[in-house]
Amino acid sequence: MFCEVCNKKITTRRSLFNIFKVERHHICEYCYQKYPLIIKKSMIPVDGGEVIWLSLIQTSEHVSPLAHMSFYKPFYIEYLRQRKDQIILIFDKISEDWVTLFDKMKLGDIYLLTLYDIIEKKESYYEI
């Protein structure tokens, strides 16, 4: 398997205990350290509820979305255990137009998960 960021071959050490374990990460250790996952949680109030927005990568450089797709799993599990009654939306990037659209549609509580944090901070966004 090759790293989706730098296209170098990813080698994993195999032993008797992990010989049949499938590797699902598409990023090498060097690129993982270069583009770390710094999770930012923001609460955005909208009509009829709130948007819980989690963004995984805070960088201005474009990183392949496939490289970090395997890191969604803990967020899926949290959603299924604690937030089943909310809507989950998953995007690579999101613009401010989407947030205003969520406000107009009055969908209620939304659990929003994005890879990239590109929206500029506004006064109306509340970050915790």
N, C-alpha and C. Protein backbone atom coordinates (compact mmCIF):
# COMPACT_ATOMS: atom_id res chain seq x y z
N MET A 1 0.85 -1.17 0.00
CA MET A 1 0.00 0.00 0.00
C MET A 1 0.90 1.24 0.00
N PHE A 2 0.41 2.30 -0.62
CA PHE A 2 1.18 3.53 -0.73
C PHE A 2 0.50 4.65 0.04
N CYS A 3 1.31 5.56 0.56
CA CYS A 3 0.80 6.72 1.29
C CYS A 3 0.08 7.64 0.30
N GLU A 4 -1.08 8.14 0.68
CA GLU A 4 -1.86 9.00 -0.20
C GLU A 4 -1.32 10.43 -0.26
N VAL A 5 -0.43 10.78 0.65
CA VAL A 5 0.10 12.14 0.69
C VAL A 5 1.42 12.22 -0.09
N CYS A 6 2.37 11.35 0.25
CA CYS A 6 3.70 11.43 -0.37
C CYS A 6 3.97 10.33 -1.39
N ASN A 7 3.08 9.38 -1.54
CA ASN A 7 3.18 8.26 -2.48
C ASN A 7 4.36 7.33 -2.22
N LYS A 8 4.84 7.28 -0.99
CA LYS A 8 5.88 6.32 -0.63
C LYS A 8 5.21 5.02 -0.18
N LYS A 9 5.93 3.94 -0.33
CA LYS A 9 5.39 2.64 0.05
C LYS A 9 5.33 2.53 1.58
N ILE A 10 4.20 2.08 2.08
CA ILE A 10 4.01 1.89 3.52
C ILE A 10 4.35 0.44 3.84
N THR A 11 5.31 0.23 4.70
CA THR A 11 5.67 -1.12 5.12
C THR A 11 5.28 -1.29 6.58
N THR A 12 4.70 -2.42 6.88
CA THR A 12 4.30 -2.72 8.25
C THR A 12 5.02 -3.98 8.70
N ARG A 13 5.35 -4.02 9.95
CA ARG A 13 6.02 -5.19 10.51
C ARG A 13 4.96 -6.24 10.82
N ARG A 14 5.18 -7.41 10.33
CA ARG A 14 4.26 -8.52 10.56
C ARG A 14 4.88 -9.50 11.55
N SER A 15 4.02 -10.01 12.42
CA SER A 15 4.43 -11.04 13.35
C SER A 15 3.32 -12.08 13.40
N LEU A 16 3.48 -13.04 14.23
CA LEU A 16 2.48 -14.10 14.35
C LEU A 16 1.16 -13.55 14.88
N PHE A 17 1.22 -12.49 15.67
CA PHE A 17 0.01 -11.95 16.29
C PHE A 17 -0.78 -11.00 15.38
N ASN A 18 -0.14 -10.43 14.39
CA ASN A 18 -0.86 -9.50 13.52
C ASN A 18 -0.79 -9.88 12.04
N ILE A 19 -0.52 -11.12 11.75
CA ILE A 19 -0.33 -11.53 10.36
C ILE A 19 -1.61 -11.40 9.53
N PHE A 20 -2.77 -11.58 10.14
CA PHE A 20 -4.03 -11.49 9.40
C PHE A 20 -4.77 -10.18 9.63
N LYS A 21 -4.16 -9.27 10.35
CA LYS A 21 -4.80 -7.98 10.61
C LYS A 21 -4.69 -7.09 9.37
N VAL A 22 -5.79 -6.51 8.98
CA VAL A 22 -5.82 -5.67 7.79
C VAL A 22 -5.46 -4.24 8.18
N GLU A 23 -4.51 -3.65 7.46
CA GLU A 23 -4.13 -2.26 7.68
C GLU A 23 -5.07 -1.37 6.88
N ARG A 24 -5.73 -0.43 7.55
CA ARG A 24 -6.69 0.42 6.88
C ARG A 24 -6.23 1.85 6.72
N HIS A 25 -5.12 2.19 7.30
CA HIS A 25 -4.64 3.57 7.20
C HIS A 25 -3.88 3.77 5.91
N HIS A 26 -4.16 4.86 5.23
CA HIS A 26 -3.52 5.17 3.95
C HIS A 26 -2.53 6.32 4.09
N ILE A 27 -1.86 6.39 5.23
CA ILE A 27 -0.92 7.47 5.47
C ILE A 27 0.28 6.90 6.22
N CYS A 28 1.48 7.35 5.84
CA CYS A 28 2.69 6.86 6.50
C CYS A 28 2.92 7.65 7.80
N GLU A 29 3.85 7.17 8.61
CA GLU A 29 4.12 7.82 9.89
C GLU A 29 4.67 9.24 9.72
N TYR A 30 5.51 9.43 8.72
CA TYR A 30 6.09 10.76 8.49
C TYR A 30 4.99 11.77 8.16
N CYS A 31 4.09 11.42 7.25
CA CYS A 31 3.01 12.34 6.86
C CYS A 31 2.00 12.51 7.99
N TYR A 32 1.81 11.47 8.79
CA TYR A 32 0.90 11.59 9.93
C TYR A 32 1.44 12.60 10.94
N GLN A 33 2.76 12.63 11.11
CA GLN A 33 3.35 13.62 12.01
C GLN A 33 3.39 15.01 11.39
N LYS A 34 3.51 15.06 10.08
CA LYS A 34 3.54 16.35 9.38
C LYS A 34 2.16 17.00 9.36
N TYR A 35 1.11 16.19 9.18
CA TYR A 35 -0.28 16.67 9.17
C TYR A 35 -1.05 15.98 10.29
N PRO A 36 -0.85 16.39 11.53
CA PRO A 36 -1.51 15.69 12.64
C PRO A 36 -3.01 15.98 12.69
N LEU A 37 -3.72 15.09 13.33
CA LEU A 37 -5.14 15.29 13.55
C LEU A 37 -5.32 16.11 14.82
N ILE A 38 -5.70 17.34 14.65
CA ILE A 38 -5.99 18.22 15.78
C ILE A 38 -7.49 18.48 15.71
N ILE A 39 -8.22 17.81 16.54
CA ILE A 39 -9.67 17.84 16.46
C ILE A 39 -10.20 19.10 17.13
N LYS A 40 -11.00 19.84 16.40
CA LYS A 40 -11.60 21.06 16.92
C LYS A 40 -13.11 20.87 16.94
N LYS A 41 -13.70 21.14 18.08
CA LYS A 41 -15.15 21.00 18.23
C LYS A 41 -15.76 22.38 18.38
N SER A 42 -16.75 22.66 17.55
CA SER A 42 -17.43 23.95 17.60
C SER A 42 -18.93 23.72 17.68
N MET A 43 -19.60 24.58 18.39
CA MET A 43 -21.06 24.54 18.47
C MET A 43 -21.58 25.78 17.76
N ILE A 44 -22.41 25.57 16.75
CA ILE A 44 -22.96 26.67 15.98
C ILE A 44 -24.47 26.67 16.17
N PRO A 45 -25.04 27.68 16.80
CA PRO A 45 -26.49 27.71 16.97
C PRO A 45 -27.19 28.03 15.65
N VAL A 46 -28.23 27.26 15.34
CA VAL A 46 -29.05 27.49 14.16
C VAL A 46 -30.51 27.44 14.60
N ASP A 47 -31.41 27.87 13.72
CA ASP A 47 -32.83 27.81 14.04
C ASP A 47 -33.26 26.36 14.22
N GLY A 48 -33.90 26.07 15.33
CA GLY A 48 -34.41 24.73 15.58
C GLY A 48 -33.40 23.77 16.18
N GLY A 49 -32.23 24.23 16.55
CA GLY A 49 -31.24 23.33 17.13
C GLY A 49 -29.85 23.92 17.10
N GLU A 50 -28.87 23.03 17.01
CA GLU A 50 -27.48 23.47 16.94
C GLU A 50 -26.69 22.50 16.06
N VAL A 51 -25.61 23.01 15.51
CA VAL A 51 -24.71 22.20 14.71
C VAL A 51 -23.48 21.92 15.55
N ILE A 52 -23.21 20.65 15.81
CA ILE A 52 -21.98 20.25 16.49
C ILE A 52 -20.99 19.92 15.38
N TRP A 53 -19.99 20.78 15.23
CA TRP A 53 -19.07 20.68 14.10
C TRP A 53 -17.71 20.22 14.59
N LEU A 54 -17.26 19.08 14.09
CA LEU A 54 -15.95 18.54 14.41
C LEU A 54 -15.09 18.58 13.15
N SER A 55 -13.95 19.25 13.23
CA SER A 55 -13.02 19.28 12.09
C SER A 55 -11.72 18.61 12.53
N LEU A 56 -11.16 17.82 11.64
CA LEU A 56 -10.01 16.99 12.00
C LEU A 56 -8.66 17.61 11.68
N ILE A 57 -8.53 18.32 10.57
CA ILE A 57 -7.23 18.82 10.13
C ILE A 57 -7.29 20.34 10.02
N GLN A 58 -6.37 21.02 10.70
CA GLN A 58 -6.27 22.47 10.60
C GLN A 58 -5.02 22.81 9.81
N THR A 59 -5.12 22.81 8.50
CA THR A 59 -3.99 23.13 7.64
C THR A 59 -4.49 23.86 6.41
N SER A 60 -3.61 24.66 5.84
CA SER A 60 -3.99 25.36 4.62
C SER A 60 -3.58 24.57 3.38
N GLU A 61 -2.69 23.58 3.56
CA GLU A 61 -2.26 22.77 2.44
C GLU A 61 -3.31 21.70 2.13
N HIS A 62 -3.37 21.32 0.87
CA HIS A 62 -4.33 20.29 0.48
C HIS A 62 -3.72 18.92 0.72
N VAL A 63 -4.37 18.13 1.54
CA VAL A 63 -3.97 16.77 1.83
C VAL A 63 -5.05 15.86 1.26
N SER A 64 -4.66 14.74 0.71
CA SER A 64 -5.63 13.82 0.12
C SER A 64 -6.64 13.37 1.17
N PRO A 65 -7.94 13.49 0.90
CA PRO A 65 -8.95 13.08 1.87
C PRO A 65 -8.91 11.60 2.20
N LEU A 66 -8.51 10.78 1.24
CA LEU A 66 -8.45 9.34 1.47
C LEU A 66 -7.44 8.96 2.54
N ALA A 67 -6.43 9.79 2.74
CA ALA A 67 -5.40 9.49 3.73
C ALA A 67 -5.96 9.47 5.15
N HIS A 68 -6.95 10.29 5.43
CA HIS A 68 -7.48 10.39 6.79
C HIS A 68 -8.88 9.79 6.95
N MET A 69 -9.42 9.16 5.93
CA MET A 69 -10.77 8.61 6.01
C MET A 69 -10.89 7.54 7.10
N SER A 70 -9.84 6.80 7.35
CA SER A 70 -9.93 5.72 8.34
C SER A 70 -10.03 6.25 9.76
N PHE A 71 -9.78 7.53 9.97
CA PHE A 71 -9.86 8.10 11.31
C PHE A 71 -11.27 8.57 11.67
N TYR A 72 -12.22 8.34 10.80
CA TYR A 72 -13.62 8.67 11.09
C TYR A 72 -14.27 7.69 12.08
N LYS A 73 -13.74 6.50 12.19
CA LYS A 73 -14.40 5.43 12.96
C LYS A 73 -14.79 5.83 14.39
N PRO A 74 -13.91 6.44 15.20
CA PRO A 74 -14.34 6.80 16.56
C PRO A 74 -15.52 7.77 16.58
N PHE A 75 -15.61 8.62 15.56
CA PHE A 75 -16.71 9.58 15.50
C PHE A 75 -18.01 8.90 15.11
N TYR A 76 -17.94 7.90 14.21
CA TYR A 76 -19.12 7.09 13.89
C TYR A 76 -19.64 6.40 15.14
N ILE A 77 -18.73 5.81 15.90
CA ILE A 77 -19.12 5.08 17.10
C ILE A 77 -19.75 6.02 18.12
N GLU A 78 -19.17 7.20 18.32
CA GLU A 78 -19.75 8.17 19.26
C GLU A 78 -21.14 8.59 18.80
N TYR A 79 -21.29 8.81 17.50
CA TYR A 79 -22.60 9.20 16.96
C TYR A 79 -23.63 8.10 17.20
N LEU A 80 -23.28 6.87 16.93
CA LEU A 80 -24.23 5.77 17.08
C LEU A 80 -24.59 5.51 18.53
N ARG A 81 -23.68 5.77 19.44
CA ARG A 81 -23.96 5.53 20.86
C ARG A 81 -24.71 6.68 21.53
N GLN A 82 -24.37 7.92 21.18
CA GLN A 82 -24.89 9.04 21.94
C GLN A 82 -25.80 9.97 21.17
N ARG A 83 -25.75 9.99 19.87
CA ARG A 83 -26.47 11.01 19.11
C ARG A 83 -27.31 10.43 17.98
N LYS A 84 -27.97 9.32 18.22
CA LYS A 84 -28.75 8.66 17.16
C LYS A 84 -29.89 9.52 16.64
N ASP A 85 -30.42 10.38 17.47
CA ASP A 85 -31.58 11.19 17.07
C ASP A 85 -31.18 12.41 16.23
N GLN A 86 -29.88 12.66 16.08
CA GLN A 86 -29.42 13.80 15.29
C GLN A 86 -29.09 13.36 13.86
N ILE A 87 -28.95 14.33 13.00
CA ILE A 87 -28.54 14.09 11.62
C ILE A 87 -27.02 14.15 11.57
N ILE A 88 -26.39 13.19 10.88
CA ILE A 88 -24.94 13.23 10.71
C ILE A 88 -24.63 13.58 9.26
N LEU A 89 -23.73 14.54 9.08
CA LEU A 89 -23.27 14.95 7.76
C LEU A 89 -21.75 14.91 7.76
N ILE A 90 -21.16 14.32 6.73
CA ILE A 90 -19.72 14.17 6.64
C ILE A 90 -19.25 14.78 5.33
N PHE A 91 -18.32 15.73 5.42
CA PHE A 91 -17.77 16.42 4.26
C PHE A 91 -16.25 16.43 4.32
N ASP A 92 -15.62 16.56 3.17
CA ASP A 92 -14.17 16.83 3.14
C ASP A 92 -13.93 18.28 3.50
N LYS A 93 -14.60 19.17 2.80
CA LYS A 93 -14.52 20.62 3.05
C LYS A 93 -15.94 21.15 3.14
N ILE A 94 -16.09 22.25 3.83
CA ILE A 94 -17.41 22.86 3.94
C ILE A 94 -17.25 24.38 3.82
N SER A 95 -18.21 25.01 3.21
CA SER A 95 -18.14 26.47 3.06
C SER A 95 -19.19 27.11 3.96
N GLU A 96 -19.13 28.42 4.06
CA GLU A 96 -20.08 29.15 4.91
C GLU A 96 -21.50 29.07 4.37
N ASP A 97 -21.63 28.83 3.07
CA ASP A 97 -22.96 28.70 2.48
C ASP A 97 -23.73 27.53 3.07
N TRP A 98 -23.02 26.45 3.39
CA TRP A 98 -23.69 25.29 3.99
C TRP A 98 -24.26 25.63 5.37
N VAL A 99 -23.51 26.38 6.15
CA VAL A 99 -23.98 26.73 7.50
C VAL A 99 -25.23 27.60 7.42
N THR A 100 -25.26 28.55 6.49
CA THR A 100 -26.46 29.37 6.33
C THR A 100 -27.62 28.53 5.79
N LEU A 101 -27.31 27.52 4.98
CA LEU A 101 -28.35 26.62 4.48
C LEU A 101 -28.94 25.79 5.62
N PHE A 102 -28.09 25.29 6.53
CA PHE A 102 -28.58 24.55 7.69
C PHE A 102 -29.49 25.43 8.54
N ASP A 103 -29.15 26.71 8.65
CA ASP A 103 -29.94 27.65 9.43
C ASP A 103 -31.31 27.86 8.81
N LYS A 104 -31.38 27.95 7.49
CA LYS A 104 -32.65 28.19 6.80
C LYS A 104 -33.54 26.95 6.78
N MET A 105 -32.95 25.76 6.73
CA MET A 105 -33.74 24.54 6.59
C MET A 105 -34.38 24.07 7.89
N LYS A 106 -33.88 24.53 9.03
CA LYS A 106 -34.42 24.18 10.35
C LYS A 106 -34.54 22.66 10.53
N LEU A 107 -33.41 21.98 10.38
CA LEU A 107 -33.38 20.52 10.49
C LEU A 107 -33.26 20.03 11.92
N GLY A 108 -33.00 20.89 12.85
CA GLY A 108 -32.79 20.47 14.23
C GLY A 108 -31.30 20.32 14.51
N ASP A 109 -30.98 19.38 15.40
CA ASP A 109 -29.58 19.17 15.77
C ASP A 109 -28.85 18.41 14.66
N ILE A 110 -27.67 18.89 14.31
CA ILE A 110 -26.87 18.29 13.25
C ILE A 110 -25.48 18.00 13.80
N TYR A 111 -24.99 16.80 13.54
CA TYR A 111 -23.64 16.38 13.90
C TYR A 111 -22.82 16.45 12.62
N LEU A 112 -21.95 17.44 12.49
CA LEU A 112 -21.21 17.72 11.27
C LEU A 112 -19.75 17.34 11.45
N LEU A 113 -19.25 16.50 10.56
CA LEU A 113 -17.87 16.03 10.63
C LEU A 113 -17.16 16.38 9.34
N THR A 114 -16.08 17.17 9.44
CA THR A 114 -15.32 17.57 8.25
C THR A 114 -13.85 17.24 8.43
N LEU A 115 -13.18 17.03 7.32
CA LEU A 115 -11.74 16.79 7.37
C LEU A 115 -10.97 18.09 7.51
N TYR A 116 -11.32 19.09 6.73
CA TYR A 116 -10.55 20.33 6.70
C TYR A 116 -11.32 21.45 7.36
N ASP A 117 -10.59 22.29 8.07
CA ASP A 117 -11.16 23.45 8.72
C ASP A 117 -10.81 24.67 7.88
N ILE A 118 -11.74 25.11 7.03
CA ILE A 118 -11.44 26.23 6.14
C ILE A 118 -12.33 27.43 6.41
N ILE A 119 -13.40 27.28 7.14
CA ILE A 119 -14.31 28.39 7.38
C ILE A 119 -13.63 29.41 8.28
N GLU A 120 -13.70 30.67 7.89
CA GLU A 120 -13.15 31.74 8.71
C GLU A 120 -14.02 31.90 9.94
N LYS A 121 -13.40 32.23 11.07
CA LYS A 121 -14.17 32.40 12.30
C LYS A 121 -15.01 33.66 12.23
N LYS A 122 -16.24 33.52 12.64
CA LYS A 122 -17.16 34.65 12.70
C LYS A 122 -17.52 34.87 14.16
N GLU A 123 -18.15 35.99 14.43
CA GLU A 123 -18.53 36.29 15.80
C GLU A 123 -19.67 35.39 16.27
N SER A 124 -20.47 34.88 15.35
CA SER A 124 -21.63 34.09 15.74
C SER A 124 -21.27 32.64 16.04
N TYR A 125 -20.04 32.20 15.76
CA TYR A 125 -19.65 30.82 16.02
C TYR A 125 -19.13 30.71 17.45
N TYR A 126 -19.55 29.68 18.13
CA TYR A 126 -19.13 29.45 19.50
C TYR A 126 -18.24 28.23 19.53
N GLU A 127 -17.04 28.40 20.02
CA GLU A 127 -16.09 27.31 20.06
C GLU A 127 -15.88 26.91 21.51
N ILE A 128 -15.88 25.59 21.76
CA ILE A 128 -15.61 25.11 23.12
C ILE A 128 -14.33 24.32 23.14
